[in-house]
Each structure stands twice: as structure tokens, then as C-alpha cells.
């Protein structure tokens, strides 16, 4: 398995809309079929991120939500990148 593609939830929403136009619903609604047809599965990821402030004596923290696409086929990963970009939109 290769390194996952990381993107914002809004970037994934845009890509998913494009996938919905090109694929049958069974492809994007079933993880097994998505893995077989598109070569990846979708994973939601949450990180707890600390923010160090130079002006205050205390730090703040927040949750950062991202989408991870875990690829199982390198050729399909390449095709995804050619078709949809790297998801950094």
C-alpha cells in the first residue's frame, strides 16, 4: 500500500461529485467496490493540533479534519492523480 493522499473535506466533496457523475452509485457507496474499481478506500482522519502563540502565555488547540485516500493499486493511484489532481484544492 502506498502513501495515502491527504485532502480537505471540501476538496474531497468536489472530487466525490465528479466521481458521482462518472461512476455507478454502487462504486462510491461500497468500500469493496470502490477499492476494486477505483483502487482506493476513503478514511476520515482527525488530528489534534496545537497552536503556539508568541503573544499569549498559553497555547490553543483545535481539531483538524482531513480525508485520506488509501490506495491499493499504484496504477489506479496514478490515474486518479492525472484525472483529479492531488486533492490540494
N, C-alpha and C. Protein backbone atom coordinates (compact mmCIF):
# COMPACT_ATOMS: atom_id res chain seq x y z
N UNK A 1 0.85 -1.17 0.00
CA UNK A 1 0.00 0.00 0.00
C UNK A 1 0.89 1.23 0.00
N UNK A 2 0.57 2.18 -0.84
CA UNK A 2 1.36 3.40 -0.96
C UNK A 2 0.88 4.45 0.04
N UNK A 3 1.60 5.55 0.10
CA UNK A 3 1.26 6.65 0.99
C UNK A 3 -0.11 7.22 0.61
N UNK A 4 -0.98 7.48 1.60
CA UNK A 4 -2.31 7.99 1.26
C UNK A 4 -2.26 9.42 0.74
N UNK A 5 -3.27 9.77 -0.03
CA UNK A 5 -3.44 11.14 -0.46
C UNK A 5 -4.29 11.83 0.61
N UNK A 6 -3.81 12.97 1.09
CA UNK A 6 -4.49 13.72 2.14
C UNK A 6 -5.10 14.97 1.53
N UNK A 7 -6.38 15.22 1.87
CA UNK A 7 -7.05 16.41 1.34
C UNK A 7 -8.07 16.93 2.34
N UNK A 8 -8.50 18.16 2.10
CA UNK A 8 -9.54 18.74 2.95
C UNK A 8 -10.87 18.09 2.63
N UNK A 9 -11.81 18.25 3.55
CA UNK A 9 -13.14 17.69 3.32
C UNK A 9 -13.82 18.38 2.14
N UNK A 10 -13.57 19.67 1.93
CA UNK A 10 -14.20 20.36 0.80
C UNK A 10 -13.60 19.89 -0.53
N UNK A 11 -12.28 19.65 -0.56
CA UNK A 11 -11.66 19.14 -1.79
C UNK A 11 -12.21 17.75 -2.11
N UNK A 12 -12.37 16.91 -1.08
CA UNK A 12 -12.93 15.58 -1.30
C UNK A 12 -14.37 15.69 -1.80
N UNK A 13 -15.14 16.62 -1.26
CA UNK A 13 -16.52 16.80 -1.72
C UNK A 13 -16.58 17.13 -3.20
N UNK A 14 -15.68 17.97 -3.66
CA UNK A 14 -15.62 18.31 -5.10
C UNK A 14 -15.26 17.10 -5.94
N UNK A 15 -14.29 16.34 -5.50
CA UNK A 15 -13.87 15.15 -6.25
C UNK A 15 -14.97 14.10 -6.23
N UNK A 16 -15.62 13.93 -5.08
CA UNK A 16 -16.70 12.94 -5.00
C UNK A 16 -17.83 13.29 -5.96
N UNK A 17 -18.15 14.56 -6.10
CA UNK A 17 -19.18 14.97 -7.06
C UNK A 17 -18.79 14.58 -8.48
N UNK A 18 -17.52 14.74 -8.81
CA UNK A 18 -17.05 14.35 -10.15
C UNK A 18 -17.10 12.83 -10.31
N UNK A 19 -16.76 12.09 -9.25
CA UNK A 19 -16.84 10.62 -9.31
C UNK A 19 -18.29 10.20 -9.51
N UNK A 20 -19.22 10.85 -8.82
CA UNK A 20 -20.64 10.51 -8.93
C UNK A 20 -21.16 10.69 -10.35
N UNK A 21 -20.59 11.64 -11.08
CA UNK A 21 -21.02 11.87 -12.47
C UNK A 21 -20.50 10.78 -13.40
N UNK A 22 -19.36 10.15 -13.05
CA UNK A 22 -18.72 9.19 -13.94
C UNK A 22 -18.93 7.72 -13.57
N UNK A 23 -19.36 7.45 -12.35
CA UNK A 23 -19.46 6.07 -11.88
C UNK A 23 -20.87 5.74 -11.42
N UNK A 24 -21.18 4.45 -11.39
CA UNK A 24 -22.44 3.98 -10.84
C UNK A 24 -22.44 4.18 -9.33
N UNK A 25 -23.62 4.39 -8.73
CA UNK A 25 -23.67 4.58 -7.27
C UNK A 25 -23.03 3.46 -6.47
N UNK A 26 -23.10 2.23 -6.98
CA UNK A 26 -22.51 1.11 -6.24
C UNK A 26 -21.01 1.28 -6.05
N UNK A 27 -20.34 2.02 -6.94
CA UNK A 27 -18.89 2.20 -6.85
C UNK A 27 -18.53 3.09 -5.67
N UNK A 28 -19.23 4.20 -5.50
CA UNK A 28 -18.85 5.12 -4.42
C UNK A 28 -19.61 4.88 -3.12
N UNK A 29 -20.59 3.98 -3.13
CA UNK A 29 -21.31 3.66 -1.90
C UNK A 29 -20.78 2.40 -1.22
N UNK A 30 -20.03 1.59 -1.91
CA UNK A 30 -19.49 0.35 -1.35
C UNK A 30 -17.97 0.43 -1.29
N UNK A 31 -17.41 0.27 -0.08
CA UNK A 31 -15.95 0.32 0.07
C UNK A 31 -15.27 -0.77 -0.75
N UNK A 32 -15.86 -1.94 -0.77
CA UNK A 32 -15.27 -3.06 -1.51
C UNK A 32 -15.23 -2.77 -3.01
N UNK A 33 -16.33 -2.27 -3.53
CA UNK A 33 -16.40 -1.95 -4.96
C UNK A 33 -15.51 -0.75 -5.30
N UNK A 34 -15.45 0.24 -4.40
CA UNK A 34 -14.59 1.40 -4.61
C UNK A 34 -13.13 0.95 -4.69
N UNK A 35 -12.75 0.06 -3.80
CA UNK A 35 -11.37 -0.45 -3.79
C UNK A 35 -11.08 -1.20 -5.09
N UNK A 36 -12.03 -2.00 -5.55
CA UNK A 36 -11.83 -2.79 -6.77
C UNK A 36 -11.82 -1.92 -8.03
N UNK A 37 -12.76 -0.99 -8.14
CA UNK A 37 -12.91 -0.20 -9.37
C UNK A 37 -11.96 0.99 -9.39
N UNK A 38 -11.91 1.76 -8.30
CA UNK A 38 -11.12 2.99 -8.27
C UNK A 38 -9.73 2.79 -7.67
N UNK A 39 -9.54 1.69 -6.92
CA UNK A 39 -8.23 1.39 -6.37
C UNK A 39 -7.95 1.99 -5.00
N UNK A 40 -8.96 2.60 -4.36
CA UNK A 40 -8.74 3.20 -3.04
C UNK A 40 -9.98 3.10 -2.17
N UNK A 41 -9.77 3.31 -0.88
CA UNK A 41 -10.86 3.47 0.07
C UNK A 41 -10.69 4.84 0.74
N UNK A 42 -11.78 5.35 1.28
CA UNK A 42 -11.79 6.67 1.89
C UNK A 42 -11.78 6.52 3.41
N UNK A 43 -10.98 7.36 4.06
CA UNK A 43 -10.87 7.33 5.52
C UNK A 43 -10.91 8.75 6.04
N UNK A 44 -11.77 9.01 7.04
CA UNK A 44 -11.79 10.31 7.70
C UNK A 44 -10.74 10.29 8.79
N UNK A 45 -10.01 11.39 8.93
CA UNK A 45 -8.92 11.45 9.89
C UNK A 45 -9.04 12.75 10.70
N UNK A 46 -8.86 12.65 12.01
CA UNK A 46 -8.91 13.81 12.89
C UNK A 46 -7.59 13.93 13.62
N UNK A 47 -7.02 15.13 13.59
CA UNK A 47 -5.79 15.41 14.33
C UNK A 47 -6.07 16.50 15.35
N UNK A 48 -5.42 16.40 16.47
CA UNK A 48 -5.49 17.45 17.48
C UNK A 48 -4.26 18.30 17.30
N UNK A 49 -4.44 19.55 16.88
CA UNK A 49 -3.31 20.40 16.52
C UNK A 49 -3.16 21.53 17.54
N UNK A 50 -1.94 21.67 18.04
CA UNK A 50 -1.65 22.74 19.00
C UNK A 50 -1.15 23.97 18.26
N UNK A 51 -1.56 25.13 18.74
CA UNK A 51 -1.14 26.40 18.16
C UNK A 51 -0.39 27.19 19.23
N UNK A 52 0.86 27.42 19.01
CA UNK A 52 1.68 28.15 19.96
C UNK A 52 1.60 29.64 19.62
N UNK A 53 1.24 30.41 20.60
CA UNK A 53 1.10 31.85 20.41
C UNK A 53 2.32 32.56 20.99
N UNK A 54 2.85 33.50 20.25
CA UNK A 54 4.00 34.26 20.74
C UNK A 54 3.56 35.45 21.59
N UNK A 55 2.27 35.81 21.51
CA UNK A 55 1.77 36.98 22.23
C UNK A 55 1.10 36.62 23.56
N UNK A 56 0.65 35.40 23.69
CA UNK A 56 -0.03 34.99 24.92
C UNK A 56 0.83 34.00 25.69
N UNK A 57 0.54 33.88 26.95
CA UNK A 57 1.30 32.94 27.77
C UNK A 57 0.73 31.53 27.69
N UNK A 58 -0.41 31.34 27.02
CA UNK A 58 -0.99 30.00 26.90
C UNK A 58 -1.20 29.65 25.43
N UNK A 59 -1.29 28.37 25.17
CA UNK A 59 -1.46 27.87 23.81
C UNK A 59 -2.92 27.50 23.57
N UNK A 60 -3.29 27.40 22.32
CA UNK A 60 -4.62 26.95 21.94
C UNK A 60 -4.49 25.65 21.15
N UNK A 61 -5.59 24.95 21.06
CA UNK A 61 -5.58 23.70 20.30
C UNK A 61 -6.90 23.57 19.54
N UNK A 62 -6.88 22.80 18.47
CA UNK A 62 -8.08 22.59 17.69
C UNK A 62 -8.01 21.23 17.00
N UNK A 63 -9.17 20.76 16.58
CA UNK A 63 -9.25 19.54 15.79
C UNK A 63 -9.15 19.90 14.31
N UNK A 64 -8.38 19.13 13.57
CA UNK A 64 -8.26 19.32 12.13
C UNK A 64 -8.78 18.05 11.47
N UNK A 65 -9.79 18.21 10.63
CA UNK A 65 -10.40 17.07 9.95
C UNK A 65 -9.87 17.00 8.52
N UNK A 66 -9.41 15.83 8.10
CA UNK A 66 -8.95 15.61 6.73
C UNK A 66 -9.52 14.30 6.21
N UNK A 67 -9.42 14.14 4.91
CA UNK A 67 -9.81 12.90 4.24
C UNK A 67 -8.54 12.25 3.74
N UNK A 68 -8.43 10.94 3.95
CA UNK A 68 -7.28 10.17 3.46
C UNK A 68 -7.79 9.15 2.46
N UNK A 69 -7.16 9.11 1.30
CA UNK A 69 -7.46 8.10 0.30
C UNK A 69 -6.34 7.07 0.35
N UNK A 70 -6.69 5.86 0.77
CA UNK A 70 -5.72 4.77 0.88
C UNK A 70 -5.76 3.95 -0.41
N UNK A 71 -4.68 4.02 -1.17
CA UNK A 71 -4.61 3.32 -2.47
C UNK A 71 -4.00 1.94 -2.32
N UNK A 72 -4.53 0.99 -3.10
CA UNK A 72 -4.06 -0.39 -3.10
C UNK A 72 -3.50 -0.80 -4.45
N UNK A 73 -3.56 0.09 -5.42
CA UNK A 73 -3.10 -0.19 -6.77
C UNK A 73 -2.38 1.06 -7.28
N UNK A 74 -1.09 0.95 -7.51
CA UNK A 74 -0.29 2.11 -7.90
C UNK A 74 -0.72 2.70 -9.24
N UNK A 75 -1.13 1.85 -10.17
CA UNK A 75 -1.59 2.36 -11.47
C UNK A 75 -2.88 3.16 -11.33
N UNK A 76 -3.78 2.70 -10.47
CA UNK A 76 -5.03 3.43 -10.25
C UNK A 76 -4.77 4.72 -9.48
N UNK A 77 -3.75 4.72 -8.62
CA UNK A 77 -3.36 5.95 -7.92
C UNK A 77 -2.87 6.99 -8.93
N UNK A 78 -2.05 6.55 -9.88
CA UNK A 78 -1.55 7.45 -10.91
C UNK A 78 -2.70 7.99 -11.76
N UNK A 79 -3.63 7.13 -12.13
CA UNK A 79 -4.78 7.57 -12.93
C UNK A 79 -5.63 8.57 -12.15
N UNK A 80 -5.81 8.33 -10.84
CA UNK A 80 -6.56 9.26 -10.01
C UNK A 80 -5.89 10.64 -10.02
N UNK A 81 -4.57 10.66 -9.84
CA UNK A 81 -3.84 11.93 -9.82
C UNK A 81 -3.92 12.65 -11.15
N UNK A 82 -3.87 11.91 -12.24
CA UNK A 82 -3.99 12.53 -13.56
C UNK A 82 -5.40 13.10 -13.78
N UNK A 83 -6.40 12.38 -13.31
CA UNK A 83 -7.79 12.78 -13.55
C UNK A 83 -8.28 13.86 -12.61
N UNK A 84 -7.91 13.75 -11.32
CA UNK A 84 -8.48 14.65 -10.30
C UNK A 84 -7.45 15.56 -9.64
N UNK A 85 -6.18 15.42 -9.95
CA UNK A 85 -5.15 16.21 -9.27
C UNK A 85 -4.79 15.58 -7.95
N UNK A 86 -4.04 16.30 -7.14
CA UNK A 86 -3.56 15.72 -5.89
C UNK A 86 -4.46 16.03 -4.70
N UNK A 87 -5.62 16.64 -4.93
CA UNK A 87 -6.56 16.89 -3.85
C UNK A 87 -6.24 18.08 -2.98
N UNK A 88 -5.29 18.89 -3.38
CA UNK A 88 -4.90 20.04 -2.57
C UNK A 88 -5.71 21.29 -2.86
N UNK A 89 -6.87 21.12 -3.46
CA UNK A 89 -7.72 22.27 -3.82
C UNK A 89 -8.44 22.81 -2.61
